[in-house]
Amino acid sequence: MKIQKVTLIGLGAMGVFFAPQLEDFLGKENFRVLADGERKQRLEDKGVTVNGINHKFHIITPDTTGDEADLIIMAVKDTGLSKAIEDIKNQVGKHTQILCVMNGIDSENQLAAVYGWEHVLYSYMRISISMKEGKADFNPQLGKVHFGEADNTELTDRVKAVKELFEASGIKYQIDTDMRKGLWFKFMCNIGENMTCALLEVPFGAFRESEHANAIRHKAMEEVIAIANRLGIDLGEEDIKRQDARIQQIPFGNKPSTLQDLENGRLTEIEMFAGKVVEMGKELGIDTPYNWMFYHAIKVKEEKLSGRFLP
């Protein structure tokens, strides 16, 4: 299997990590961005600016047929996942593989329910990217995409094909031996950092300076660990310590996605984050008071943005 055509859906903070390098390697016709409506028009007119360089990628629409991709990279937000799953249908051929690099722990299951596991690999991102008004500035060497089968003790042909593409195009990657643990580790970090920063309206730098911010972050992460352990996922305190060290490397002023959403007047992915923890806690009989507070507090922030509390 050789990957020669790639379609990306979602040219936001995660999508720009891939787009310039894949276009450079594959060429403009073989790297395509899937979009329609106002978003298609905006990308064609204005493009996106990545590290000071403006890019106008080859745009195709969901109704494009007869030109299936070898690899689809989905970098959408949770609120757009259902539509994106429908939009990619004409891009899925007999051998197409799909990486859904969005946050959360459910997207692969949702994709596999429609297209089958033979088309879906596990994946997630570890990078902090701030994007505003079509402009993103970040160091691509400080992050990577993780992908693979659930168990990668031995690499399958489809994992090798994606690996070869990323190596050839200069995209930093990692193949976790246990991808399910990797997904849950990323989810735990998102709960601790994304939710705490959004609630307190502080950047990542707060975790360098404030024992109080870290106290909240750690307690929220412990709730995720309790749920993961009940499900047979091997997360623990050592994983919190591992993230404590990494968080020192994130630029002080960077902000996670939920805080960026609130500051830009957008609905957040709260259902996928704290909402999911609360839901699973109820199902498993595990108390999740910190995530319960995150969920309801950030819902109030969304209500405030909607103008609900104006006199």
Protein backbone atom coordinates (compact mmCIF):
# COMPACT_ATOMS: atom_id res chain seq x y z
CA MET A 1 0.00 0.00 0.00
CA LYS A 2 1.33 3.43 -0.96
CA ILE A 3 -0.32 6.72 -0.04
CA GLN A 4 -0.36 9.11 -2.99
CA LYS A 5 -3.53 11.16 -2.41
CA VAL A 6 -4.49 12.80 0.88
CA THR A 7 -7.66 14.68 1.74
CA LEU A 8 -7.78 16.89 4.83
CA ILE A 9 -11.04 18.04 6.38
CA GLY A 10 -10.67 20.74 9.01
CA LEU A 11 -8.05 23.40 8.23
CA GLY A 12 -7.90 24.83 11.75
CA ALA A 13 -5.30 24.61 14.49
CA MET A 14 -4.72 20.88 13.99
CA GLY A 15 -5.08 20.83 10.22
CA VAL A 16 -2.35 23.42 9.62
CA PHE A 17 0.14 21.07 11.29
CA PHE A 18 -0.16 18.77 8.23
CA ALA A 19 -1.20 20.91 5.29
CA PRO A 20 1.94 22.79 4.15
CA GLN A 21 4.26 19.79 4.37
CA LEU A 22 1.84 17.39 2.70
CA GLU A 23 1.25 19.80 -0.17
CA ASP A 24 5.00 20.30 -0.60
CA PHE A 25 5.56 16.54 -0.80
CA LEU A 26 2.47 15.34 -2.71
CA GLY A 27 1.86 18.35 -4.94
CA LYS A 28 -1.17 20.60 -5.21
CA GLU A 29 -3.40 18.10 -7.03
CA ASN A 30 -2.72 15.19 -4.68
CA PHE A 31 -3.20 17.08 -1.43
CA ARG A 32 -6.74 18.42 -1.14
CA VAL A 33 -8.77 20.23 1.52
CA LEU A 34 -12.44 19.24 1.73
CA ALA A 35 -14.76 22.20 2.32
CA ASP A 36 -18.00 23.71 1.07
CA GLY A 37 -20.15 26.80 1.43
CA GLU A 38 -18.76 29.89 3.12
CA ARG A 39 -15.70 28.05 4.40
CA LYS A 40 -14.73 26.96 0.87
CA GLN A 41 -15.11 30.52 -0.38
CA ARG A 42 -13.03 31.93 2.46
CA LEU A 43 -10.23 29.40 1.97
CA GLU A 44 -10.14 30.07 -1.76
CA ASP A 45 -10.20 33.85 -1.30
CA LYS A 46 -7.99 34.32 1.75
CA GLY A 47 -6.31 30.99 2.38
CA VAL A 48 -4.60 30.42 5.73
CA THR A 49 -1.35 31.85 7.03
CA VAL A 50 1.01 29.40 8.71
CA ASN A 51 4.15 30.78 10.34
CA GLY A 52 3.96 33.91 8.22
CA ILE A 53 3.36 32.20 4.86
CA ASN A 54 -0.04 32.38 3.20
CA HIS A 55 -1.29 29.15 1.63
CA LYS A 56 -4.18 28.59 -0.75
CA PHE A 57 -4.68 24.86 -0.94
CA HIS A 58 -6.55 22.83 -3.55
CA ILE A 59 -10.18 22.77 -2.36
CA ILE A 60 -12.63 20.01 -3.23
CA THR A 61 -16.26 19.69 -2.15
CA PRO A 62 -18.12 16.79 -0.51
CA ASP A 63 -19.96 16.05 -3.77
CA THR A 64 -16.68 15.38 -5.64
CA THR A 65 -16.77 11.79 -6.92
CA GLY A 66 -14.39 9.40 -8.64
CA ASP A 67 -11.30 10.75 -6.90
CA GLU A 68 -11.01 8.81 -3.63
CA ALA A 69 -8.20 9.47 -1.18
CA ASP A 70 -5.64 6.96 0.03
CA LEU A 71 -5.62 8.78 3.38
CA ILE A 72 -8.17 11.10 4.97
CA ILE A 73 -7.08 13.27 7.88
CA MET A 74 -9.97 14.60 9.94
CA ALA A 75 -9.06 17.62 12.09
CA VAL A 76 -12.52 18.98 12.89
CA LYS A 77 -14.03 19.98 16.21
CA ASP A 78 -16.46 17.74 18.06
CA THR A 79 -19.40 19.95 17.09
CA GLY A 80 -18.64 19.28 13.40
CA LEU A 81 -17.83 15.57 13.56
CA SER A 82 -21.21 14.18 12.48
CA LYS A 83 -21.32 16.38 9.38
CA ALA A 84 -17.68 15.60 8.58
CA ILE A 85 -18.33 11.85 8.74
CA GLU A 86 -21.07 12.35 6.14
CA ASP A 87 -18.99 14.77 4.04
CA ILE A 88 -16.07 12.36 3.51
CA LYS A 89 -18.17 9.52 2.08
CA ASN A 90 -17.17 10.17 -1.54
CA GLN A 91 -13.51 10.23 -0.52
CA VAL A 92 -13.58 6.73 0.98
CA GLY A 93 -12.48 4.01 -1.43
CA LYS A 94 -11.69 0.34 -1.00
CA HIS A 95 -8.27 0.93 0.59
CA THR A 96 -8.72 4.39 2.13
CA GLN A 97 -7.41 4.91 5.67
CA ILE A 98 -8.76 7.55 8.04
CA LEU A 99 -6.96 9.38 10.85
CA CYS A 100 -9.23 11.46 13.08
CA VAL A 101 -6.80 13.61 15.09
CA MET A 102 -9.44 15.55 17.00
CA ASN A 103 -9.67 15.56 20.79
CA GLY A 104 -11.72 13.07 22.77
CA ILE A 105 -12.01 9.28 22.99
CA ASP A 106 -15.05 8.50 20.82
CA SER A 107 -14.32 9.68 17.28
CA GLU A 108 -12.73 6.43 16.05
CA ASN A 109 -15.72 4.43 17.26
CA GLN A 110 -18.11 6.79 15.48
CA LEU A 111 -16.14 6.55 12.23
CA ALA A 112 -15.83 2.77 12.43
CA ALA A 113 -19.58 2.47 12.95
CA VAL A 114 -20.05 4.04 9.50
CA TYR A 115 -17.01 2.93 7.49
CA GLY A 116 -15.67 -0.11 9.37
CA TRP A 117 -12.47 -0.59 11.36
CA GLU A 118 -10.64 -1.66 8.22
CA HIS A 119 -10.65 2.03 7.24
CA VAL A 120 -9.95 3.59 10.66
CA LEU A 121 -6.71 3.94 12.61
CA TYR A 122 -6.38 5.43 16.08
CA SER A 123 -4.77 8.86 16.22
CA TYR A 124 -4.31 11.96 18.34
CA MET A 125 -2.17 15.11 18.42
CA ARG A 126 0.32 16.39 20.99
CA ILE A 127 0.99 20.02 20.12
CA SER A 128 -0.18 23.45 21.26
CA ILE A 129 -1.27 25.66 18.34
CA SER A 130 -3.08 28.97 18.63
CA MET A 131 -5.01 30.07 15.55
CA LYS A 132 -6.95 33.27 15.09
CA GLU A 133 -8.48 34.85 11.98
CA GLY A 134 -6.84 32.31 9.69
CA LYS A 135 -3.34 32.77 11.12
CA ALA A 136 -1.30 30.20 13.03
CA ASP A 137 2.19 30.47 14.46
CA PHE A 138 3.85 27.45 16.02
CA ASN A 139 7.00 25.36 16.05
CA PRO A 140 6.20 22.08 14.24
CA GLN A 141 9.21 20.47 15.95
CA LEU A 142 7.56 20.80 19.37
CA GLY A 143 4.65 18.49 18.58
CA LYS A 144 3.73 15.30 16.77
CA VAL A 145 0.88 13.14 15.57
CA HIS A 146 0.43 9.76 17.24
CA PHE A 147 -1.26 7.00 15.24
CA GLY A 148 -1.60 3.27 14.79
CA GLU A 149 -3.61 0.17 15.51
CA ALA A 150 -4.85 -0.47 19.03
CA ASP A 151 -1.75 -2.66 19.53
CA ASN A 152 1.38 -1.84 17.55
CA THR A 153 3.74 -4.51 18.85
CA GLU A 154 4.13 -5.40 15.17
CA LEU A 155 3.31 -2.79 12.53
CA THR A 156 0.61 -3.61 10.00
CA ASP A 157 0.94 -2.68 6.33
CA ARG A 158 -1.45 0.27 6.67
CA VAL A 159 0.46 1.68 9.63
CA LYS A 160 3.70 1.31 7.68
CA ALA A 161 2.15 3.19 4.74
CA VAL A 162 1.18 6.18 6.89
CA LYS A 163 4.59 6.06 8.57
CA GLU A 164 6.33 6.21 5.20
CA LEU A 165 4.22 9.20 4.13
CA PHE A 166 4.96 11.16 7.29
CA GLU A 167 8.67 10.39 7.13
CA ALA A 168 8.88 11.43 3.49
CA SER A 169 6.97 14.68 4.08
CA GLY A 170 8.82 15.61 7.29
CA ILE A 171 5.82 15.33 9.63
CA LYS A 172 6.81 14.38 13.16
CA TYR A 173 4.98 11.29 14.40
CA GLN A 174 4.98 8.56 17.01
CA ILE A 175 3.45 5.08 16.90
CA ASP A 176 2.41 4.16 20.43
CA THR A 177 2.58 0.48 21.30
CA ASP A 178 -0.74 0.91 23.16
CA MET A 179 -2.80 3.51 21.29
CA ARG A 180 -5.82 3.23 23.58
CA LYS A 181 -3.69 4.26 26.54
CA GLY A 182 -2.28 7.09 24.44
CA LEU A 183 -5.77 8.37 23.63
CA TRP A 184 -6.77 8.27 27.29
CA PHE A 185 -3.53 9.99 28.34
CA LYS A 186 -4.25 12.83 25.90
CA PHE A 187 -7.86 12.96 27.13
CA MET A 188 -6.68 13.17 30.74
CA CYS A 189 -4.32 16.03 29.86
CA ASN A 190 -7.08 17.86 28.00
CA ILE A 191 -9.41 17.55 30.98
CA GLY A 192 -6.79 18.86 33.36
CA GLU A 193 -5.47 21.70 31.21
CA ASN A 194 -8.24 22.62 28.78
CA MET A 195 -10.97 22.71 31.40
CA THR A 196 -8.93 24.46 34.12
CA CYS A 197 -7.69 27.19 31.77
CA ALA A 198 -11.19 27.78 30.40
CA LEU A 199 -12.75 27.95 33.86
CA LEU A 200 -10.10 30.29 35.30
CA GLU A 201 -9.44 32.21 32.05
CA VAL A 202 -5.67 31.69 32.27
CA PRO A 203 -3.03 30.47 29.76
CA PHE A 204 -0.86 27.37 30.06
CA GLY A 205 1.71 29.48 31.90
CA ALA A 206 -0.51 29.41 35.00
CA PHE A 207 0.64 25.84 35.60
CA ARG A 208 4.22 27.07 36.00
CA GLU A 209 3.29 29.71 38.54
CA SER A 210 0.22 28.65 40.53
CA GLU A 211 -0.03 25.72 42.92
CA HIS A 212 -3.77 26.41 43.03
CA ALA A 213 -4.21 25.98 39.27
CA ASN A 214 -2.23 22.76 39.47
CA ALA A 215 -4.29 21.50 42.40
CA ILE A 216 -7.46 21.80 40.30
CA ARG A 217 -5.75 20.29 37.25
CA HIS A 218 -4.49 17.27 39.19
CA LYS A 219 -7.85 16.51 40.82
CA ALA A 220 -9.62 16.63 37.46
CA MET A 221 -7.02 14.29 35.96
CA GLU A 222 -7.46 11.86 38.86
CA GLU A 223 -11.15 11.55 37.98
CA VAL A 224 -10.18 10.50 34.45
CA ILE A 225 -7.67 8.00 35.83
CA ALA A 226 -10.38 6.40 38.01
CA ILE A 227 -12.64 5.91 34.98
CA ALA A 228 -9.81 4.70 32.74
CA ASN A 229 -8.67 2.14 35.33
CA ARG A 230 -12.21 0.79 35.65
CA LEU A 231 -12.16 0.28 31.85
CA GLY A 232 -8.81 -1.52 31.94
CA ILE A 233 -6.68 1.42 30.75
CA ASP A 234 -3.34 1.59 32.57
CA LEU A 235 -3.18 5.27 33.58
CA GLY A 236 -1.77 6.41 36.91
CA GLU A 237 0.00 9.08 38.94
CA GLU A 238 3.21 8.55 36.97
CA ASP A 239 1.35 9.78 33.88
CA ILE A 240 0.36 12.98 35.69
CA LYS A 241 4.03 13.49 36.64
CA ARG A 242 5.04 12.89 33.02
CA GLN A 243 2.68 15.66 31.92
CA ASP A 244 3.86 17.94 34.74
CA ALA A 245 7.29 17.93 33.10
CA ARG A 246 6.00 18.42 29.55
CA ILE A 247 3.71 21.32 30.39
CA GLN A 248 6.77 23.39 31.29
CA GLN A 249 7.75 23.35 27.59
CA ILE A 250 4.49 24.89 26.31
CA PRO A 251 4.91 28.61 25.53
CA PHE A 252 3.71 30.60 28.55
CA GLY A 253 0.99 32.55 26.76
CA ASN A 254 -0.49 29.69 24.73
CA LYS A 255 -4.13 28.92 25.43
CA PRO A 256 -5.96 25.60 25.02
CA SER A 257 -8.82 25.22 22.58
CA THR A 258 -11.74 25.66 25.00
CA LEU A 259 -10.45 29.01 26.23
CA GLN A 260 -9.77 30.07 22.63
CA ASP A 261 -13.35 29.15 21.74
CA LEU A 262 -14.81 31.19 24.60
CA GLU A 263 -12.62 34.20 23.83
CA ASN A 264 -13.72 34.08 20.20
CA GLY A 265 -17.41 33.73 21.01
CA ARG A 266 -17.72 30.13 19.83
CA LEU A 267 -19.45 27.14 21.36
CA THR A 268 -16.95 24.81 23.04
CA GLU A 269 -16.37 21.07 22.99
CA ILE A 270 -17.50 20.80 26.62
CA GLU A 271 -19.75 17.81 25.90
CA MET A 272 -16.76 15.83 24.60
CA PHE A 273 -14.57 16.84 27.55
CA ALA A 274 -16.12 17.31 31.01
CA GLY A 275 -19.53 16.19 29.78
CA LYS A 276 -18.09 12.82 28.74
CA VAL A 277 -16.32 12.37 32.10
CA VAL A 278 -19.53 13.13 34.02
CA GLU A 279 -21.53 10.76 31.80
CA MET A 280 -19.05 7.89 32.18
CA GLY A 281 -18.72 8.54 35.91
CA LYS A 282 -22.46 8.11 36.32
CA GLU A 283 -22.43 4.89 34.28
CA LEU A 284 -19.57 3.42 36.32
CA GLY A 285 -20.54 4.74 39.75
CA ILE A 286 -17.48 7.02 40.01
CA ASP A 287 -17.80 10.51 41.51
CA THR A 288 -16.59 13.32 39.24
CA PRO A 289 -17.15 16.57 41.18
CA TYR A 290 -14.40 18.56 39.46
CA ASN A 291 -15.67 17.71 35.99
CA TRP A 292 -19.24 18.33 37.12
CA MET A 293 -18.16 21.86 38.06
CA PHE A 294 -16.26 22.31 34.79
CA TYR A 295 -19.28 21.19 32.79
CA HIS A 296 -21.83 23.48 34.40
CA ALA A 297 -19.51 26.47 34.79
CA ILE A 298 -18.44 26.43 31.14
CA LYS A 299 -22.07 25.95 30.08
CA VAL A 300 -22.85 29.19 31.96
CA LYS A 301 -19.99 30.90 30.10
CA GLU A 302 -21.53 29.78 26.81
CA GLU A 303 -24.91 31.13 27.93
CA LYS A 304 -23.27 34.43 28.81
CA LEU A 305 -21.70 34.63 25.33
CA SER A 306 -25.11 34.05 23.76
CA GLY A 307 -26.42 37.17 25.51
CA ARG A 308 -28.74 35.23 27.77
CA PHE A 309 -27.96 37.36 30.83
CA LEU A 310 -28.26 40.79 29.21
CA PRO A 311 -30.88 43.00 30.94
